[in-house]
Amino acid sequence: MNSERVSHEFPPVYDKNSRVLILGTMPSPKSREQGFYYMHPQNRFWKILCAVLGTEIPRDIEGRRALCLSRGIALWDVLASCEINGASDSSIRNAVPNNLRKILAECEICAVFTTGKKAHELYSRFFADCIPDTCLPSTSPANRTIAEPEMLEQYRQILAYL
């Protein structure tokens, strides 16, 4: 499979009450197709986040957006565009960052969490002068090196800032 240039085409989730910013790298093909974050059916993000928050997984995008906003969680991705091979973060080249400073200026973000090593690496490269991030394990279907109980425990760090 060859790399293609992709652009982030849907808006961040946040409002003035957002306290925690969760960042991935770039939406997967499934997420881009559906126009929302972590929408691959085997991605564990919503399962893990809802377990941390003690709630059911909302069935639709509006429910997921509303859940995040009601709990003070902002969602976005580090990148506005890049060259990528499918959903492989390791293949990312020629990365262009999103304007994360917009969210940081409009909200009182207390903590930034990146979902995976590549998101952490890119955030550190482009936003070293901003709030330091905490790198959480990737919830991607490709990351099966960490069991869900351990992943859940690491994602519970979010609760301290909500």
C-alpha atoms as a PDB file:
ATOM      1  CA  MET A   1       0.000   0.000   0.000  1.00  0.00           C
ATOM      2  CA  ASN A   2       1.312   3.421  -0.915  1.00  0.00           C
ATOM      3  CA  SER A   3       1.298   6.521   1.220  1.00  0.00           C
ATOM      4  CA  GLU A   4      -1.263   9.196   0.487  1.00  0.00           C
ATOM      5  CA  ARG A   5      -1.564  12.805   1.575  1.00  0.00           C
ATOM      6  CA  VAL A   6      -4.493  13.110   3.990  1.00  0.00           C
ATOM      7  CA  SER A   7      -6.021  16.105   5.729  1.00  0.00           C
ATOM      8  CA  HIS A   8      -7.950  16.280   8.972  1.00  0.00           C
ATOM      9  CA  GLU A   9     -11.412  17.248   7.826  1.00  0.00           C
ATOM     10  CA  PHE A  10     -13.593  17.403  10.931  1.00  0.00           C
ATOM     11  CA  PRO A  11     -13.503  19.847  13.821  1.00  0.00           C
ATOM     12  CA  PRO A  12     -12.159  19.348  17.306  1.00  0.00           C
ATOM     13  CA  VAL A  13     -14.544  18.590  20.150  1.00  0.00           C
ATOM     14  CA  TYR A  14     -14.265  21.211  22.887  1.00  0.00           C
ATOM     15  CA  ASP A  15     -15.986  24.109  24.592  1.00  0.00           C
ATOM     16  CA  LYS A  16     -15.044  26.689  27.219  1.00  0.00           C
ATOM     17  CA  ASN A  17     -15.521  24.062  29.963  1.00  0.00           C
ATOM     18  CA  SER A  18     -12.957  21.621  28.537  1.00  0.00           C
ATOM     19  CA  ARG A  19     -10.207  20.780  31.040  1.00  0.00           C
ATOM     20  CA  VAL A  20      -8.508  17.743  29.493  1.00  0.00           C
ATOM     21  CA  LEU A  21      -7.279  17.545  25.898  1.00  0.00           C
ATOM     22  CA  ILE A  22      -6.900  14.070  24.387  1.00  0.00           C
ATOM     23  CA  LEU A  23      -4.907  13.942  21.162  1.00  0.00           C
ATOM     24  CA  GLY A  24      -4.355  11.235  18.602  1.00  0.00           C
ATOM     25  CA  THR A  25      -2.134  11.589  15.546  1.00  0.00           C
ATOM     26  CA  MET A  26      -4.466  11.591  12.515  1.00  0.00           C
ATOM     27  CA  PRO A  27      -7.888   9.959  12.097  1.00  0.00           C
ATOM     28  CA  SER A  28      -7.810   6.472  10.614  1.00  0.00           C
ATOM     29  CA  PRO A  29      -9.477   5.814   7.252  1.00  0.00           C
ATOM     30  CA  LYS A  30     -12.579   4.517   9.103  1.00  0.00           C
ATOM     31  CA  SER A  31     -12.694   7.608  11.302  1.00  0.00           C
ATOM     32  CA  ARG A  32     -12.267   9.919   8.314  1.00  0.00           C
ATOM     33  CA  GLU A  33     -15.032   8.025   6.511  1.00  0.00           C
ATOM     34  CA  GLN A  34     -17.403   8.518   9.475  1.00  0.00           C
ATOM     35  CA  GLY A  35     -16.204  12.016  10.328  1.00  0.00           C
ATOM     36  CA  PHE A  36     -15.384  11.457  13.991  1.00  0.00           C
ATOM     37  CA  TYR A  37     -12.677  10.272  16.360  1.00  0.00           C
ATOM     38  CA  TYR A  38     -11.749   6.641  17.078  1.00  0.00           C
ATOM     39  CA  MET A  39     -14.490   5.142  14.901  1.00  0.00           C
ATOM     40  CA  HIS A  40     -12.807   1.912  13.777  1.00  0.00           C
ATOM     41  CA  PRO A  41     -15.020  -0.795  15.321  1.00  0.00           C
ATOM     42  CA  GLN A  42     -11.999  -2.528  16.875  1.00  0.00           C
ATOM     43  CA  ASN A  43     -10.447   0.631  18.318  1.00  0.00           C
ATOM     44  CA  ARG A  44     -10.699   0.441  22.115  1.00  0.00           C
ATOM     45  CA  PHE A  45     -10.809   4.204  22.800  1.00  0.00           C
ATOM     46  CA  TRP A  46     -14.535   4.550  23.503  1.00  0.00           C
ATOM     47  CA  LYS A  47     -14.659   1.311  25.497  1.00  0.00           C
ATOM     48  CA  ILE A  48     -11.735   2.405  27.676  1.00  0.00           C
ATOM     49  CA  LEU A  49     -12.828   6.047  28.077  1.00  0.00           C
ATOM     50  CA  CYS A  50     -16.385   5.069  29.016  1.00  0.00           C
ATOM     51  CA  ALA A  51     -15.086   2.495  31.507  1.00  0.00           C
ATOM     52  CA  VAL A  52     -12.940   5.226  33.099  1.00  0.00           C
ATOM     53  CA  LEU A  53     -15.947   7.564  33.235  1.00  0.00           C
ATOM     54  CA  GLY A  54     -18.298   4.835  34.484  1.00  0.00           C
ATOM     55  CA  THR A  55     -20.796   5.208  31.660  1.00  0.00           C
ATOM     56  CA  GLU A  56     -22.207   3.302  28.708  1.00  0.00           C
ATOM     57  CA  ILE A  57     -20.660   3.831  25.276  1.00  0.00           C
ATOM     58  CA  PRO A  58     -22.888   6.254  23.368  1.00  0.00           C
ATOM     59  CA  ARG A  59     -24.218   4.640  20.199  1.00  0.00           C
ATOM     60  CA  ASP A  60     -23.812   7.617  17.881  1.00  0.00           C
ATOM     61  CA  ILE A  61     -21.434  10.462  17.172  1.00  0.00           C
ATOM     62  CA  GLU A  62     -23.625  13.116  18.784  1.00  0.00           C
ATOM     63  CA  GLY A  63     -23.786  11.054  21.966  1.00  0.00           C
ATOM     64  CA  ARG A  64     -20.020  10.658  22.008  1.00  0.00           C
ATOM     65  CA  ARG A  65     -19.510  14.374  21.409  1.00  0.00           C
ATOM     66  CA  ALA A  66     -22.007  15.219  24.176  1.00  0.00           C
ATOM     67  CA  LEU A  67     -20.320  12.805  26.585  1.00  0.00           C
ATOM     68  CA  CYS A  68     -16.934  14.452  26.060  1.00  0.00           C
ATOM     69  CA  LEU A  69     -18.314  17.970  26.455  1.00  0.00           C
ATOM     70  CA  SER A  70     -20.335  17.080  29.555  1.00  0.00           C
ATOM     71  CA  ARG A  71     -17.214  15.661  31.216  1.00  0.00           C
ATOM     72  CA  GLY A  72     -14.787  18.461  30.279  1.00  0.00           C
ATOM     73  CA  ILE A  73     -12.923  16.437  27.666  1.00  0.00           C
ATOM     74  CA  ALA A  74     -11.650  17.949  24.425  1.00  0.00           C
ATOM     75  CA  LEU A  75     -10.703  15.678  21.504  1.00  0.00           C
ATOM     76  CA  TRP A  76      -8.525  16.493  18.543  1.00  0.00           C
ATOM     77  CA  ASP A  77      -5.452  15.242  16.736  1.00  0.00           C
ATOM     78  CA  VAL A  78      -1.929  16.596  16.659  1.00  0.00           C
ATOM     79  CA  LEU A  79      -1.860  16.708  12.862  1.00  0.00           C
ATOM     80  CA  ALA A  80      -3.768  18.752  10.314  1.00  0.00           C
ATOM     81  CA  SER A  81      -2.260  16.779   7.422  1.00  0.00           C
ATOM     82  CA  CYS A  82       0.417  14.252   6.608  1.00  0.00           C
ATOM     83  CA  GLU A  83       1.461  11.509   4.252  1.00  0.00           C
ATOM     84  CA  ILE A  84       0.396   8.170   5.698  1.00  0.00           C
ATOM     85  CA  ASN A  85       0.108   4.571   4.630  1.00  0.00           C
ATOM     86  CA  GLY A  86      -3.451   3.524   5.648  1.00  0.00           C
ATOM     87  CA  ALA A  87      -3.706   3.959   9.418  1.00  0.00           C
ATOM     88  CA  SER A  88      -0.031   3.239  10.166  1.00  0.00           C
ATOM     89  CA  ASP A  89       1.308   5.958  12.459  1.00  0.00           C
ATOM     90  CA  SER A  90       4.831   4.669  11.887  1.00  0.00           C
ATOM     91  CA  SER A  91       4.518   5.611   8.203  1.00  0.00           C
ATOM     92  CA  ILE A  92       3.675   9.290   8.856  1.00  0.00           C
ATOM     93  CA  ARG A  93       5.831  11.732   6.890  1.00  0.00           C
ATOM     94  CA  ASN A  94       5.686  15.448   6.074  1.00  0.00           C
ATOM     95  CA  ALA A  95       3.493  16.181   9.070  1.00  0.00           C
ATOM     96  CA  VAL A  96       1.735  19.534   9.451  1.00  0.00           C
ATOM     97  CA  PRO A  97       0.362  20.268  12.935  1.00  0.00           C
ATOM     98  CA  ASN A  98      -3.121  21.442  13.857  1.00  0.00           C
ATOM     99  CA  ASN A  99      -3.446  24.807  15.586  1.00  0.00           C
ATOM    100  CA  LEU A 100      -3.704  23.367  19.093  1.00  0.00           C
ATOM    101  CA  ARG A 101      -2.921  26.762  20.571  1.00  0.00           C
ATOM    102  CA  LYS A 102      -6.493  27.769  19.638  1.00  0.00           C
ATOM    103  CA  ILE A 103      -7.959  25.267  22.117  1.00  0.00           C
ATOM    104  CA  LEU A 104      -5.335  26.053  24.734  1.00  0.00           C
ATOM    105  CA  ALA A 105      -6.197  29.766  24.463  1.00  0.00           C
ATOM    106  CA  GLU A 106      -9.978  29.280  24.543  1.00  0.00           C
ATOM    107  CA  CYS A 107     -10.177  26.710  27.372  1.00  0.00           C
ATOM    108  CA  GLU A 108      -8.562  26.159  30.722  1.00  0.00           C
ATOM    109  CA  ILE A 109      -6.884  22.919  29.713  1.00  0.00           C
ATOM    110  CA  CYS A 110      -5.184  21.427  32.787  1.00  0.00           C
ATOM    111  CA  ALA A 111      -3.755  18.315  31.155  1.00  0.00           C
ATOM    112  CA  VAL A 112      -2.905  16.991  27.705  1.00  0.00           C
ATOM    113  CA  PHE A 113      -2.949  13.268  26.995  1.00  0.00           C
ATOM    114  CA  THR A 114      -1.632  11.745  23.787  1.00  0.00           C
ATOM    115  CA  THR A 115      -2.906   8.363  22.617  1.00  0.00           C
ATOM    116  CA  GLY A 116       0.190   6.502  21.568  1.00  0.00           C
ATOM    117  CA  LYS A 117       3.894   7.013  21.089  1.00  0.00           C
ATOM    118  CA  LYS A 118       3.637   8.697  17.688  1.00  0.00           C
ATOM    119  CA  ALA A 119       1.091  11.246  18.951  1.00  0.00           C
ATOM    120  CA  HIS A 120       3.422  11.918  21.889  1.00  0.00           C
ATOM    121  CA  GLU A 121       6.449  12.275  19.598  1.00  0.00           C
ATOM    122  CA  LEU A 122       4.631  14.692  17.278  1.00  0.00           C
ATOM    123  CA  TYR A 123       3.154  16.719  20.137  1.00  0.00           C
ATOM    124  CA  SER A 124       6.611  16.988  21.710  1.00  0.00           C
ATOM    125  CA  ARG A 125       8.083  18.125  18.394  1.00  0.00           C
ATOM    126  CA  PHE A 126       5.474  20.746  17.498  1.00  0.00           C
ATOM    127  CA  PHE A 127       4.260  21.886  20.919  1.00  0.00           C
ATOM    128  CA  ALA A 128       7.270  21.630  23.231  1.00  0.00           C
ATOM    129  CA  ASP A 129       6.460  25.093  24.594  1.00  0.00           C
ATOM    130  CA  CYS A 130       2.906  24.115  25.624  1.00  0.00           C
ATOM    131  CA  ILE A 131       1.518  22.004  28.466  1.00  0.00           C
ATOM    132  CA  PRO A 132       3.598  18.816  28.758  1.00  0.00           C
ATOM    133  CA  ASP A 133       1.637  15.734  27.701  1.00  0.00           C
ATOM    134  CA  THR A 134       1.140  12.365  29.304  1.00  0.00           C
ATOM    135  CA  CYS A 135       1.538   9.558  26.805  1.00  0.00           C
ATOM    136  CA  LEU A 136      -1.177   6.921  27.115  1.00  0.00           C
ATOM    137  CA  PRO A 137      -1.165   3.612  25.245  1.00  0.00           C
ATOM    138  CA  SER A 138      -2.609   3.608  21.755  1.00  0.00           C
ATOM    139  CA  THR A 139      -6.121   2.154  21.600  1.00  0.00           C
ATOM    140  CA  SER A 140      -5.603   1.239  17.926  1.00  0.00           C
ATOM    141  CA  PRO A 141      -6.496  -2.287  16.839  1.00  0.00           C
ATOM    142  CA  ALA A 142      -2.826  -2.598  15.790  1.00  0.00           C
ATOM    143  CA  ASN A 143      -1.686  -2.204  19.418  1.00  0.00           C
ATOM    144  CA  ARG A 144      -2.313  -5.511  21.140  1.00  0.00           C
ATOM    145  CA  THR A 145       0.810  -5.385  23.298  1.00  0.00           C
ATOM    146  CA  ILE A 146      -1.105  -4.072  26.301  1.00  0.00           C
ATOM    147  CA  ALA A 147      -4.022  -5.820  27.990  1.00  0.00           C
ATOM    148  CA  GLU A 148      -7.208  -3.857  28.585  1.00  0.00           C
ATOM    149  CA  PRO A 149      -6.952  -3.874  32.415  1.00  0.00           C
ATOM    150  CA  GLU A 150      -3.513  -2.235  32.217  1.00  0.00           C
ATOM    151  CA  MET A 151      -4.721   0.199  29.551  1.00  0.00           C
ATOM    152  CA  LEU A 152      -7.722   1.099  31.699  1.00  0.00           C
ATOM    153  CA  GLU A 153      -5.469   1.748  34.683  1.00  0.00           C
ATOM    154  CA  GLN A 154      -3.292   4.125  32.648  1.00  0.00           C
ATOM    155  CA  TYR A 155      -6.314   5.974  31.226  1.00  0.00           C
ATOM    156  CA  ARG A 156      -7.639   6.516  34.763  1.00  0.00           C
ATOM    157  CA  GLN A 157      -5.000   9.267  35.076  1.00  0.00           C
ATOM    158  CA  ILE A 158      -7.487  11.461  33.203  1.00  0.00           C
ATOM    159  CA  LEU A 159      -9.862  11.472  36.181  1.00  0.00           C
ATOM    160  CA  ALA A 160      -7.499  13.577  38.318  1.00  0.00           C
ATOM    161  CA  TYR A 161      -8.092  16.551  35.992  1.00  0.00           C
ATOM    162  CA  LEU A 162     -11.859  16.348  35.486  1.00  0.00           C
END
